Protein backbone atom coordinates (compact mmCIF):
# COMPACT_ATOMS: atom_id res chain seq x y z
CA MET A 1 37.28 -18.79 -65.27
CA ASN A 2 38.04 -22.39 -66.25
CA GLN A 3 35.29 -24.20 -68.12
CA PRO A 4 34.41 -27.71 -66.91
CA GLU A 5 34.86 -30.52 -69.41
CA PRO A 6 31.55 -31.23 -71.19
CA LYS A 7 30.00 -34.38 -69.75
CA LEU A 8 28.15 -36.74 -72.05
CA PRO A 9 24.51 -37.22 -71.00
CA ALA A 10 23.49 -40.58 -69.62
CA ASN A 11 20.37 -40.73 -71.81
CA ILE A 12 21.99 -40.90 -75.28
CA GLU A 13 20.84 -44.48 -75.79
CA THR A 14 17.26 -43.63 -74.85
CA SER A 15 17.20 -40.48 -76.99
CA VAL A 16 18.31 -42.45 -80.02
CA ILE A 17 15.75 -45.20 -79.35
CA TYR A 18 12.95 -42.62 -79.29
CA ALA A 19 14.26 -40.86 -82.39
CA LEU A 20 14.43 -44.10 -84.36
CA GLU A 21 10.97 -45.15 -83.21
CA GLU A 22 9.69 -41.80 -84.41
CA ASP A 23 11.28 -42.11 -87.86
CA VAL A 24 11.47 -45.83 -88.58
CA GLY A 25 8.48 -47.13 -86.64
CA GLU A 26 7.76 -50.70 -87.68
CA GLY A 27 10.28 -50.55 -90.50
CA ASP A 28 11.69 -48.55 -93.41
CA ILE A 29 9.34 -49.51 -96.22
CA THR A 30 11.28 -47.74 -98.97
CA ALA A 31 14.59 -49.37 -98.00
CA LYS A 32 13.04 -52.77 -98.68
CA LEU A 33 13.26 -51.94 -102.39
CA ILE A 34 16.99 -52.58 -102.08
CA PRO A 35 18.39 -56.13 -101.96
CA PRO A 36 19.56 -56.81 -98.38
CA GLN A 37 23.08 -57.77 -99.49
CA THR A 38 23.69 -54.47 -101.33
CA ARG A 39 26.47 -52.48 -99.73
CA GLY A 40 27.53 -48.89 -100.06
CA SER A 41 29.54 -46.03 -98.64
CA ALA A 42 28.72 -42.47 -97.66
CA THR A 43 30.41 -39.23 -96.65
CA VAL A 44 28.98 -36.56 -94.38
CA VAL A 45 29.89 -33.02 -95.43
CA SER A 46 29.30 -29.72 -93.65
CA ARG A 47 28.06 -27.11 -96.09
CA GLU A 48 28.98 -24.24 -93.75
CA GLN A 49 31.45 -23.33 -91.03
CA ALA A 50 30.43 -24.99 -87.79
CA VAL A 51 31.48 -26.41 -84.44
CA VAL A 52 31.13 -30.18 -84.70
CA CYS A 53 28.93 -31.73 -82.05
CA GLY A 54 26.82 -34.88 -81.78
CA ILE A 55 29.24 -37.62 -82.78
CA PRO A 56 28.15 -39.98 -79.95
CA TRP A 57 24.48 -39.69 -81.03
CA PHE A 58 25.35 -40.19 -84.71
CA ASP A 59 27.37 -43.32 -83.94
CA ARG A 60 24.65 -44.70 -81.69
CA VAL A 61 22.03 -44.42 -84.46
CA PHE A 62 23.91 -46.82 -86.72
CA LEU A 63 24.97 -49.06 -83.85
CA GLN A 64 21.31 -49.60 -82.99
CA LEU A 65 20.16 -50.00 -86.58
CA ASP A 66 22.97 -52.06 -88.06
CA PRO A 67 26.17 -52.71 -86.07
CA SER A 68 27.93 -53.74 -89.28
CA VAL A 69 28.00 -50.11 -90.45
CA GLN A 70 31.51 -48.74 -89.87
CA THR A 71 32.15 -45.02 -89.39
CA GLN A 72 35.50 -43.28 -89.63
CA TRP A 73 35.60 -39.74 -88.26
CA HIS A 74 37.96 -37.18 -89.78
CA VAL A 75 37.15 -34.46 -87.21
CA GLU A 76 36.77 -34.31 -83.43
CA GLU A 77 33.91 -33.26 -81.18
CA GLY A 78 34.15 -29.50 -80.57
CA GLN A 79 36.35 -28.84 -83.61
CA THR A 80 35.56 -25.83 -85.79
CA VAL A 81 35.36 -26.82 -89.46
CA ASP A 82 35.01 -24.82 -92.68
CA ALA A 83 32.37 -25.25 -95.34
CA ASP A 84 32.78 -28.37 -97.52
CA THR A 85 34.70 -30.24 -94.82
CA VAL A 86 34.20 -34.02 -94.86
CA LEU A 87 33.26 -34.98 -91.31
CA CYS A 88 33.17 -38.75 -91.65
CA THR A 89 32.93 -41.69 -94.02
CA LEU A 90 30.69 -44.70 -93.56
CA GLU A 91 30.59 -48.19 -95.06
CA GLY A 92 27.90 -50.83 -94.65
CA THR A 93 24.65 -52.20 -95.96
CA ALA A 94 22.71 -49.86 -98.22
CA ARG A 95 19.59 -50.41 -96.15
CA GLY A 96 21.33 -49.53 -92.89
CA LEU A 97 22.94 -46.41 -94.32
CA LEU A 98 19.75 -45.09 -95.87
CA THR A 99 17.51 -45.86 -92.90
CA GLY A 100 19.82 -44.15 -90.42
CA GLU A 101 20.65 -41.12 -92.57
CA ARG A 102 17.97 -38.68 -91.40
CA THR A 103 17.99 -39.52 -87.70
CA ALA A 104 21.79 -39.39 -87.50
CA LEU A 105 21.95 -36.09 -89.40
CA ASN A 106 19.15 -34.58 -87.31
CA PHE A 107 21.16 -35.10 -84.13
CA MET A 108 24.37 -33.77 -85.71
CA GLN A 109 22.68 -30.73 -87.28
CA LEU A 110 20.88 -29.67 -84.11
CA LEU A 111 23.76 -30.21 -81.71
CA SER A 112 26.34 -28.67 -84.05
CA GLY A 113 24.03 -25.69 -84.44
CA THR A 114 23.77 -25.34 -80.67
CA ALA A 115 27.53 -25.65 -80.18
CA THR A 116 28.22 -23.19 -82.99
CA ILE A 117 26.08 -20.39 -81.58
CA ALA A 118 27.37 -21.15 -78.09
CA ARG A 119 30.95 -20.73 -79.32
CA ARG A 120 30.10 -17.28 -80.73
CA TYR A 121 28.66 -16.14 -77.40
CA ALA A 122 31.56 -17.62 -75.43
CA ASN A 123 34.12 -15.93 -77.68
CA ALA A 124 32.38 -12.57 -77.23
CA VAL A 125 33.27 -12.53 -73.50
CA ALA A 126 36.47 -14.56 -73.65
CA ASP A 127 38.69 -11.86 -72.16
CA SER A 128 36.21 -10.37 -69.67
CA GLY A 129 36.12 -12.82 -66.75
CA CYS A 130 32.35 -13.06 -67.28
CA GLN A 131 30.74 -16.39 -68.18
CA VAL A 132 27.82 -17.04 -70.52
CA LEU A 133 25.16 -19.39 -69.15
CA ASP A 134 22.59 -21.43 -71.04
CA THR A 135 18.98 -21.78 -69.81
CA ARG A 136 16.09 -24.26 -69.60
CA LYS A 137 14.65 -22.97 -72.89
CA THR A 138 15.43 -26.19 -74.73
CA ILE A 139 13.71 -28.58 -77.13
CA PRO A 140 11.56 -30.95 -75.01
CA GLY A 141 13.26 -34.31 -74.56
CA LEU A 142 16.64 -33.01 -75.75
CA ARG A 143 17.66 -30.78 -72.84
CA ALA A 144 20.61 -32.91 -71.76
CA ALA A 145 21.85 -33.12 -75.35
CA GLN A 146 21.52 -29.38 -75.97
CA LYS A 147 23.17 -28.48 -72.68
CA TYR A 148 26.04 -30.81 -73.55
CA ALA A 149 26.33 -29.08 -76.94
CA ALA A 150 26.30 -25.66 -75.29
CA ALA A 151 29.17 -26.78 -73.05
CA VAL A 152 31.06 -28.10 -76.09
CA GLY A 153 30.65 -24.63 -77.56
CA GLY A 154 32.22 -23.08 -74.46
CA VAL A 155 29.36 -21.72 -72.38
CA THR A 156 28.56 -22.77 -68.81
CA ASN A 157 25.51 -24.87 -67.98
CA HIS A 158 22.99 -23.26 -65.66
CA ARG A 159 20.76 -25.59 -63.62
CA THR A 160 19.58 -28.63 -65.55
CA GLY A 161 16.00 -28.46 -64.29
CA LEU A 162 13.76 -27.58 -61.39
CA PHE A 163 15.33 -30.31 -59.26
CA ASP A 164 18.96 -29.13 -59.06
CA GLY A 165 18.81 -25.39 -58.47
CA ILE A 166 16.82 -22.81 -56.50
CA LEU A 167 15.80 -19.88 -58.69
CA ILE A 168 13.10 -17.73 -57.12
CA LYS A 169 11.49 -15.81 -59.97
CA GLU A 170 8.84 -13.09 -60.07
CA ASN A 171 5.85 -15.42 -59.81
CA HIS A 172 7.46 -17.44 -57.02
CA LEU A 173 8.03 -14.22 -55.09
CA MET A 174 4.38 -13.19 -55.40
CA ALA A 175 3.17 -16.61 -54.27
CA ALA A 176 5.73 -17.00 -51.48
CA GLY A 177 5.22 -13.59 -49.86
CA GLY A 178 8.11 -11.48 -51.12
CA ILE A 179 11.88 -11.61 -51.34
CA ASP A 180 12.81 -11.81 -47.66
CA ARG A 181 10.27 -14.49 -46.81
CA ALA A 182 11.10 -16.54 -49.93
CA VAL A 183 14.84 -16.54 -49.19
CA LYS A 184 14.27 -17.48 -45.54
CA THR A 185 11.96 -20.33 -46.57
CA ALA A 186 14.55 -21.57 -49.07
CA ARG A 187 17.22 -21.60 -46.34
CA ALA A 188 14.91 -23.44 -43.96
CA MET A 189 14.41 -26.25 -46.48
CA GLY A 190 17.94 -27.41 -45.72
CA HIS A 191 19.25 -27.72 -49.27
CA GLN A 192 22.95 -27.11 -49.81
CA LEU A 193 22.20 -25.26 -53.05
CA PRO A 194 22.84 -21.55 -53.64
CA VAL A 195 19.69 -19.42 -53.51
CA GLU A 196 19.15 -17.28 -56.60
CA VAL A 197 16.55 -14.50 -56.74
CA GLU A 198 15.25 -12.69 -59.82
CA VAL A 199 15.06 -8.93 -59.37
CA GLU A 200 13.67 -6.30 -61.74
CA THR A 201 14.68 -3.04 -59.99
CA LEU A 202 17.57 -1.72 -57.95
CA GLU A 203 15.27 -1.59 -54.91
CA GLU A 204 14.58 -5.31 -55.30
CA CYS A 205 18.32 -5.79 -55.71
CA ARG A 206 18.87 -4.14 -52.31
CA GLN A 207 16.18 -6.34 -50.76
CA ALA A 208 17.66 -9.54 -52.17
CA LEU A 209 21.14 -8.60 -50.99
CA GLY A 210 19.74 -7.76 -47.57
CA ALA A 211 17.95 -11.11 -47.43
CA GLY A 212 21.23 -12.91 -48.09
CA ALA A 213 20.61 -14.28 -51.58
CA ASP A 214 23.66 -15.99 -53.06
CA ILE A 215 22.93 -15.05 -56.68
CA LEU A 216 20.88 -12.22 -58.17
CA LEU A 217 19.27 -12.58 -61.57
CA LEU A 218 19.16 -9.02 -62.92
CA ASP A 219 16.23 -9.13 -65.33
CA ASN A 220 16.23 -6.63 -68.20
CA PHE A 221 18.53 -4.16 -66.41
CA THR A 222 20.02 -1.33 -68.45
CA LEU A 223 23.81 -1.00 -68.58
CA GLU A 224 23.58 1.82 -66.05
CA GLU A 225 21.46 -0.31 -63.73
CA LEU A 226 23.84 -3.25 -64.08
CA ARG A 227 26.76 -1.04 -63.03
CA ALA A 228 24.72 0.26 -60.09
CA ALA A 229 23.93 -3.30 -59.01
CA VAL A 230 27.63 -4.18 -59.16
CA ASP A 231 28.35 -1.16 -56.94
CA LEU A 232 25.66 -2.19 -54.43
CA ASN A 233 27.16 -5.65 -54.22
CA ARG A 234 30.80 -4.58 -54.06
CA ASP A 235 31.11 -4.26 -50.26
CA ARG A 236 28.86 -7.20 -49.36
CA GLU A 237 30.59 -10.07 -47.58
CA PRO A 238 30.31 -12.65 -48.92
CA ARG A 239 29.67 -10.99 -52.24
CA ALA A 240 26.67 -12.26 -54.19
CA LEU A 241 27.10 -13.42 -57.77
CA LEU A 242 25.31 -11.31 -60.36
CA GLU A 243 23.66 -12.71 -63.48
CA ALA A 244 22.35 -10.43 -66.23
CA SER A 245 19.42 -11.77 -68.23
CA GLY A 246 16.65 -10.74 -70.59
CA ASN A 247 16.82 -10.07 -74.34
CA ILE A 248 20.58 -10.50 -74.49
CA SER A 249 21.87 -10.15 -78.05
CA ILE A 250 25.40 -10.99 -79.05
CA ASP A 251 26.16 -7.42 -80.15
CA ARG A 252 25.42 -6.19 -76.58
CA LEU A 253 27.28 -8.97 -74.84
CA SER A 254 30.70 -7.37 -74.43
CA ASP A 255 29.17 -4.15 -73.05
CA ILE A 256 27.14 -6.14 -70.53
CA ALA A 257 30.17 -8.17 -69.47
CA ALA A 258 32.14 -4.95 -68.99
CA THR A 259 29.73 -3.78 -66.27
CA GLY A 260 31.28 -6.29 -63.87
CA VAL A 261 28.53 -8.91 -63.68
CA ASP A 262 29.64 -12.50 -63.19
CA PHE A 263 27.28 -14.20 -65.63
CA VAL A 264 25.08 -13.47 -68.62
CA SER A 265 22.34 -16.02 -69.31
CA VAL A 266 21.21 -16.40 -72.92
CA GLY A 267 18.11 -18.38 -73.86
CA ALA A 268 18.78 -17.93 -77.58
CA ILE A 269 21.64 -20.43 -77.47
CA THR A 270 19.18 -23.33 -77.20
CA LYS A 271 15.84 -21.70 -78.05
CA HIS A 272 16.68 -19.98 -81.33
CA VAL A 273 19.10 -22.61 -82.57
CA ARG A 274 19.41 -23.09 -86.35
CA ALA A 275 20.48 -26.50 -87.57
CA ILE A 276 23.79 -26.67 -89.40
CA ASP A 277 23.50 -27.63 -93.06
CA LEU A 278 24.97 -31.13 -93.40
CA SER A 279 24.60 -33.60 -96.25
CA MET A 280 25.28 -37.30 -96.66
CA ARG A 281 26.50 -38.39 -100.09
CA PHE A 282 26.18 -42.05 -101.11
CA VAL A 283 27.85 -44.50 -103.46
CA PHE A 284 26.30 -47.97 -103.85
CA GLU A 285 27.39 -51.21 -105.45
CA SER A 286 25.94 -51.72 -108.90
CA ILE A 287 23.22 -54.35 -109.14
CA ALA A 288 23.91 -57.01 -111.77
């Protein structure tokens, strides 16, 4: 399946404002030790192999702090780089460079880490016709950024939040009166969104298919149960889409994709993300 082009979030400006408020507050006290006219340069280096992601956030940090800081990128968003690769060079005031260092690197490290693990999962199913989905298990306040990074890495974004997708999970089913009633209620609401139902057994799978669910979330199914669910769905018209979920590790991914499911959702892409090791190296003008 073709992957949609990653779309930059609309809230980059706001995210950077909050991040700088968190780190700089009323001002960088230590940076005031440096004469305001002192200038310098810096290079950002990746200490490990990674998928580069977060350039728009990095640039926005320095644009907000000190527009005179100039950044030249030597890599592109989504590019895989080796350890010791120079990602960019910067020139500007010493105060601006030092004040923006941590916030800019935090965005790059997190989003590159998300894109890097996403690329590994996407590559694991590249030839299967199955797509890897991300989830809502994201860092609060950074969901749009992490979902963008996951897309840069090559996985497909699931719903953004509770407002743009109907996913009827176990607790919803108990509160709404069961699978059939929940699906009928969802249809009656008049939304033009597909109705997805979480099922935990093959019997619930039959019920959800009978109720006309568009997508089935197959929670913690064994490989044998996944194949059985694919068989149950094979002659349905229109056929429902099947999404495997629950404790999905990358070493099991190809076997799960081979069962014939359409999607595999993986919370670890955004929940268990490890920041990429980046460093910023400085050179400053000598003070007479």
